[in-house]
Structure formats: structure tokens, C-alpha cells
N, C-alpha and C. Protein backbone atom coordinates (compact mmCIF):
# COMPACT_ATOMS: atom_id res chain seq x y z
N UNK A 1 -44.30 6.50 -17.92
CA UNK A 1 -44.25 5.17 -18.48
C UNK A 1 -42.74 4.61 -18.51
N UNK A 2 -41.33 5.57 -19.18
CA UNK A 2 -40.27 5.46 -18.83
C UNK A 2 -39.70 4.89 -17.65
N UNK A 3 -40.21 5.52 -16.48
CA UNK A 3 -39.46 5.06 -15.66
C UNK A 3 -39.73 3.57 -15.10
N UNK A 4 -41.25 3.17 -15.45
CA UNK A 4 -41.41 1.70 -15.46
C UNK A 4 -40.51 0.65 -15.81
N UNK A 5 -39.70 1.07 -16.58
CA UNK A 5 -39.05 -0.04 -17.32
C UNK A 5 -37.46 -0.90 -16.12
N UNK A 6 -37.21 -0.19 -14.98
CA UNK A 6 -36.06 -0.72 -13.96
C UNK A 6 -36.26 -0.58 -12.81
N UNK A 7 -37.16 0.45 -12.28
CA UNK A 7 -37.63 1.03 -10.64
C UNK A 7 -38.17 -0.39 -10.14
N UNK A 8 -38.55 -1.54 -10.72
CA UNK A 8 -39.78 -1.85 -9.91
C UNK A 8 -38.19 -3.34 -9.68
N UNK A 9 -37.86 -3.74 -10.29
CA UNK A 9 -36.44 -4.35 -10.37
C UNK A 9 -35.75 -4.52 -9.82
N UNK A 10 -35.49 -3.18 -9.66
CA UNK A 10 -34.48 -2.76 -8.62
C UNK A 10 -34.34 -2.33 -7.48
N UNK A 11 -35.67 -1.81 -7.36
CA UNK A 11 -36.39 -2.44 -5.68
C UNK A 11 -36.21 -3.10 -5.08
N UNK A 12 -36.77 -4.64 -5.78
CA UNK A 12 -36.89 -5.91 -5.08
C UNK A 12 -35.15 -6.38 -5.08
N UNK A 13 -34.07 -6.21 -5.85
CA UNK A 13 -32.35 -5.83 -6.60
C UNK A 13 -32.34 -5.53 -4.95
N UNK A 14 -32.42 -4.11 -4.22
CA UNK A 14 -31.96 -3.56 -3.67
C UNK A 14 -32.37 -4.13 -2.02
N UNK A 15 -33.66 -3.78 -1.96
CA UNK A 15 -34.44 -5.01 -0.81
C UNK A 15 -33.44 -6.37 -0.50
N UNK A 16 -33.34 -7.02 -1.55
CA UNK A 16 -33.22 -8.57 -1.24
C UNK A 16 -31.29 -8.81 -1.21
N UNK A 17 -30.75 -7.42 -1.58
CA UNK A 17 -29.47 -7.27 -1.72
C UNK A 17 -28.92 -6.60 -0.09
N UNK A 18 -30.32 -5.57 0.28
CA UNK A 18 -30.03 -5.72 1.76
C UNK A 18 -29.61 -6.41 3.08
N UNK A 19 -30.55 -7.39 2.73
CA UNK A 19 -30.66 -8.50 3.61
C UNK A 19 -29.05 -8.53 4.11
N UNK A 20 -28.21 -9.29 3.01
CA UNK A 20 -26.94 -9.75 3.51
C UNK A 20 -25.99 -8.62 2.12
N UNK A 21 -25.76 -7.68 2.95
CA UNK A 21 -24.59 -7.12 1.72
C UNK A 21 -23.41 -7.22 2.08
N UNK A 22 -22.67 -7.29 0.90
CA UNK A 22 -20.82 -7.89 1.46
C UNK A 22 -20.59 -6.49 1.60
N UNK A 23 -20.77 -5.22 1.46
CA UNK A 23 -20.17 -3.89 1.71
C UNK A 23 -21.76 -3.48 2.04
N UNK A 24 -22.16 -3.27 3.46
CA UNK A 24 -23.14 -1.54 3.55
C UNK A 24 -23.21 -0.45 2.87
N UNK A 25 -21.62 0.03 2.89
CA UNK A 25 -21.36 1.30 2.39
C UNK A 25 -21.78 1.35 1.15
N UNK A 26 -21.22 0.28 0.26
CA UNK A 26 -21.74 0.49 -1.06
C UNK A 26 -22.64 0.38 -1.66
N UNK A 27 -23.76 -0.68 -0.88
CA UNK A 27 -24.97 -0.53 -0.93
C UNK A 27 -25.57 0.27 -0.61
N UNK A 28 -25.46 1.62 0.21
CA UNK A 28 -25.96 2.71 0.28
C UNK A 28 -25.06 3.93 -0.66
N UNK A 29 -24.17 4.01 -0.88
CA UNK A 29 -24.01 4.59 -2.58
C UNK A 29 -24.14 4.26 -3.43
N UNK A 30 -24.54 2.63 -3.99
CA UNK A 30 -25.00 2.43 -5.27
C UNK A 30 -26.89 2.37 -4.99
N UNK A 31 -27.35 2.80 -3.93
CA UNK A 31 -29.01 3.35 -3.87
C UNK A 31 -28.72 4.75 -4.68
N UNK A 32 -27.85 5.66 -3.92
CA UNK A 32 -28.03 6.95 -4.02
C UNK A 32 -27.44 7.31 -5.70
N UNK A 33 -26.57 6.40 -5.98
CA UNK A 33 -26.25 5.89 -7.92
C UNK A 33 -27.24 6.52 -8.24
N UNK A 34 -28.26 4.97 -7.89
CA UNK A 34 -28.95 4.79 -8.66
C UNK A 34 -30.26 5.73 -8.54
N UNK A 35 -30.60 6.47 -7.95
CA UNK A 35 -31.55 7.51 -7.68
C UNK A 35 -31.36 8.29 -8.61
N UNK A 36 -30.28 8.98 -7.84
CA UNK A 36 -29.58 10.27 -8.77
C UNK A 36 -29.45 10.23 -10.37
N UNK A 37 -29.14 8.66 -10.81
CA UNK A 37 -29.30 8.40 -12.63
C UNK A 37 -30.34 8.37 -12.93
N UNK A 38 -31.74 7.84 -12.21
CA UNK A 38 -32.96 8.15 -12.63
C UNK A 38 -33.18 9.37 -12.61
N UNK A 39 -33.17 9.69 -11.76
CA UNK A 39 -33.57 11.92 -11.74
C UNK A 39 -33.58 11.96 -12.90
N UNK A 40 -32.16 12.07 -13.05
CA UNK A 40 -31.06 12.94 -14.02
C UNK A 40 -31.96 12.55 -15.46
N UNK A 41 -32.22 10.77 -16.04
CA UNK A 41 -32.24 9.99 -17.13
C UNK A 41 -34.19 10.88 -17.45
N UNK A 42 -34.73 10.46 -16.28
CA UNK A 42 -35.90 11.27 -16.50
C UNK A 42 -35.62 12.94 -17.04
N UNK A 43 -35.48 14.11 -16.42
CA UNK A 43 -34.75 15.09 -16.71
C UNK A 43 -34.47 15.34 -18.27
N UNK A 44 -33.29 14.52 -18.80
CA UNK A 44 -32.77 14.47 -19.46
C UNK A 44 -34.15 14.18 -20.88
N UNK A 45 -35.15 13.10 -20.23
CA UNK A 45 -35.70 12.54 -21.36
C UNK A 45 -36.80 13.80 -21.85
N UNK A 46 -37.31 13.79 -20.57
CA UNK A 46 -38.44 15.22 -21.03
C UNK A 46 -37.78 16.25 -21.80
N UNK A 47 -36.12 16.42 -21.56
CA UNK A 47 -35.34 18.01 -22.64
C UNK A 47 -34.88 16.99 -23.65
N UNK A 48 -35.27 16.18 -24.41
CA UNK A 48 -34.57 15.40 -25.40
C UNK A 48 -33.01 15.65 -24.89
N UNK A 49 -32.20 15.24 -24.29
CA UNK A 49 -30.92 15.64 -23.82
C UNK A 49 -30.23 14.27 -24.16
N UNK A 50 -29.56 14.33 -25.36
CA UNK A 50 -28.55 12.91 -25.66
C UNK A 50 -26.95 13.86 -25.66
N UNK A 51 -26.33 12.88 -25.34
CA UNK A 51 -25.77 11.68 -24.53
C UNK A 51 -26.16 11.80 -23.36
N UNK A 52 -26.77 12.94 -22.73
CA UNK A 52 -27.11 13.18 -20.92
C UNK A 52 -28.26 11.89 -20.68
N UNK A 53 -29.18 11.64 -21.97
CA UNK A 53 -30.14 10.25 -20.83
C UNK A 53 -29.15 9.37 -20.94
N UNK A 54 -28.72 9.19 -22.55
CA UNK A 54 -27.80 7.70 -22.11
C UNK A 54 -26.62 7.52 -21.73
N UNK A 55 -25.61 8.36 -20.91
CA UNK A 55 -25.12 8.11 -19.39
C UNK A 55 -25.95 7.74 -18.30
N UNK A 56 -26.90 8.66 -17.73
CA UNK A 56 -27.61 8.40 -16.81
C UNK A 56 -28.51 7.08 -17.21
N UNK A 57 -28.80 6.99 -18.09
CA UNK A 57 -29.09 5.11 -18.08
C UNK A 57 -28.47 4.33 -17.93
N UNK A 58 -27.28 4.07 -18.21
CA UNK A 58 -25.76 3.26 -18.22
C UNK A 58 -25.46 3.42 -16.93
N UNK A 59 -25.22 4.66 -15.90
CA UNK A 59 -25.37 4.18 -14.33
C UNK A 59 -26.24 3.81 -14.05
N UNK A 60 -27.47 3.84 -14.21
CA UNK A 60 -28.44 3.40 -13.75
C UNK A 60 -28.15 1.71 -13.20
N UNK A 61 -28.43 1.42 -14.78
CA UNK A 61 -27.50 -0.23 -15.38
C UNK A 61 -27.16 -0.72 -14.26
N UNK A 62 -25.45 -0.06 -14.52
CA UNK A 62 -24.61 -0.33 -13.54
C UNK A 62 -24.88 -0.69 -12.45
N UNK A 63 -25.49 0.64 -12.01
CA UNK A 63 -25.64 0.44 -10.15
C UNK A 63 -26.57 -0.68 -9.92
N UNK A 64 -27.48 -0.75 -10.61
CA UNK A 64 -28.54 -2.33 -10.11
C UNK A 64 -28.28 -3.06 -10.52
N UNK A 65 -26.88 -3.61 -11.56
CA UNK A 65 -26.04 -4.39 -11.46
C UNK A 65 -24.87 -5.05 -10.42
N UNK A 66 -24.64 -3.83 -9.66
CA UNK A 66 -23.66 -3.93 -8.74
C UNK A 66 -24.13 -4.29 -7.38
N UNK A 67 -25.50 -3.61 -7.40
CA UNK A 67 -26.20 -3.83 -6.32
C UNK A 67 -26.41 -5.46 -6.44
N UNK A 68 -26.82 -6.28 -7.24
CA UNK A 68 -27.16 -7.69 -7.32
C UNK A 68 -25.95 -7.92 -7.09
N UNK A 69 -24.93 -7.70 -7.65
CA UNK A 69 -23.13 -8.41 -7.28
C UNK A 69 -22.75 -8.29 -5.73
N UNK A 70 -23.16 -7.23 -4.78
CA UNK A 70 -23.05 -6.79 -3.47
C UNK A 70 -23.86 -8.37 -3.14
N UNK A 71 -25.02 -7.79 -3.18
CA UNK A 71 -25.86 -8.92 -2.54
C UNK A 71 -25.46 -10.70 -2.67
N UNK A 72 -25.14 -11.16 -4.07
CA UNK A 72 -25.34 -12.17 -4.03
C UNK A 72 -23.54 -12.49 -3.36
N UNK A 73 -22.66 -11.68 -3.42
CA UNK A 73 -20.92 -11.75 -2.83
C UNK A 73 -21.64 -11.65 -1.24
N UNK A 74 -21.94 -10.82 -0.91
CA UNK A 74 -22.32 -11.04 0.85
C UNK A 74 -22.94 -12.04 0.97
N UNK A 75 -23.72 -13.16 0.33
CA UNK A 75 -24.34 -14.14 0.70
C UNK A 75 -23.56 -15.71 0.33
N UNK A 76 -22.37 -15.23 -0.53
CA UNK A 76 -21.39 -16.49 -0.73
C UNK A 76 -20.65 -16.08 0.50
N UNK A 77 -20.50 -15.09 1.06
CA UNK A 77 -19.33 -15.03 1.83
C UNK A 77 -19.73 -15.12 3.26
N UNK A 78 -21.03 -15.09 3.34
CA UNK A 78 -21.56 -15.02 5.04
C UNK A 78 -21.24 -16.69 5.30
N UNK A 79 -21.03 -16.89 6.99
CA UNK A 79 -20.60 -17.57 7.21
C UNK A 79 -21.37 -18.55 8.15
């Protein structure tokens, strides 16, 4: 249940920003970073590891936000 908090919205943001990213490399890196952060968050959650869980959560949320920014900037700069 813990993974259901951000994975669906991040998938939507990642798919939407994939249509016209400002940087395809940044998009790929951010998706990989998000995935690794969520795996680490789940492992940390299962093992009650703090502050590892909080750090992984923050990296995941930051990656999600940057994916959105990458997509919005890509659309704004499209000619």
C-alpha cells in the first residue's frame, strides 16, 4: 500500500513528459532515479530504516517534480 502514494501519478507525469521532453537524457535519468529511489524506499520501509526512508522518499519526489518540469519546459520551448 505504501507504494501506491506516488507511483501512479509519477507514471502519468513520466508518460506525459515523454511526449515532448526538453531533454531526453534528463528524462531517462530521472525515471531511473525515481525507480531506484522507490525501491530503496520500500526496502527502508520494510526494515524500519531512518533516515534512509526519508531520503529515498525525497529523492523520489524530487525526481517526479523534475520530470514534470522537463515536460513543461519541453512544451514551452517547442516551435
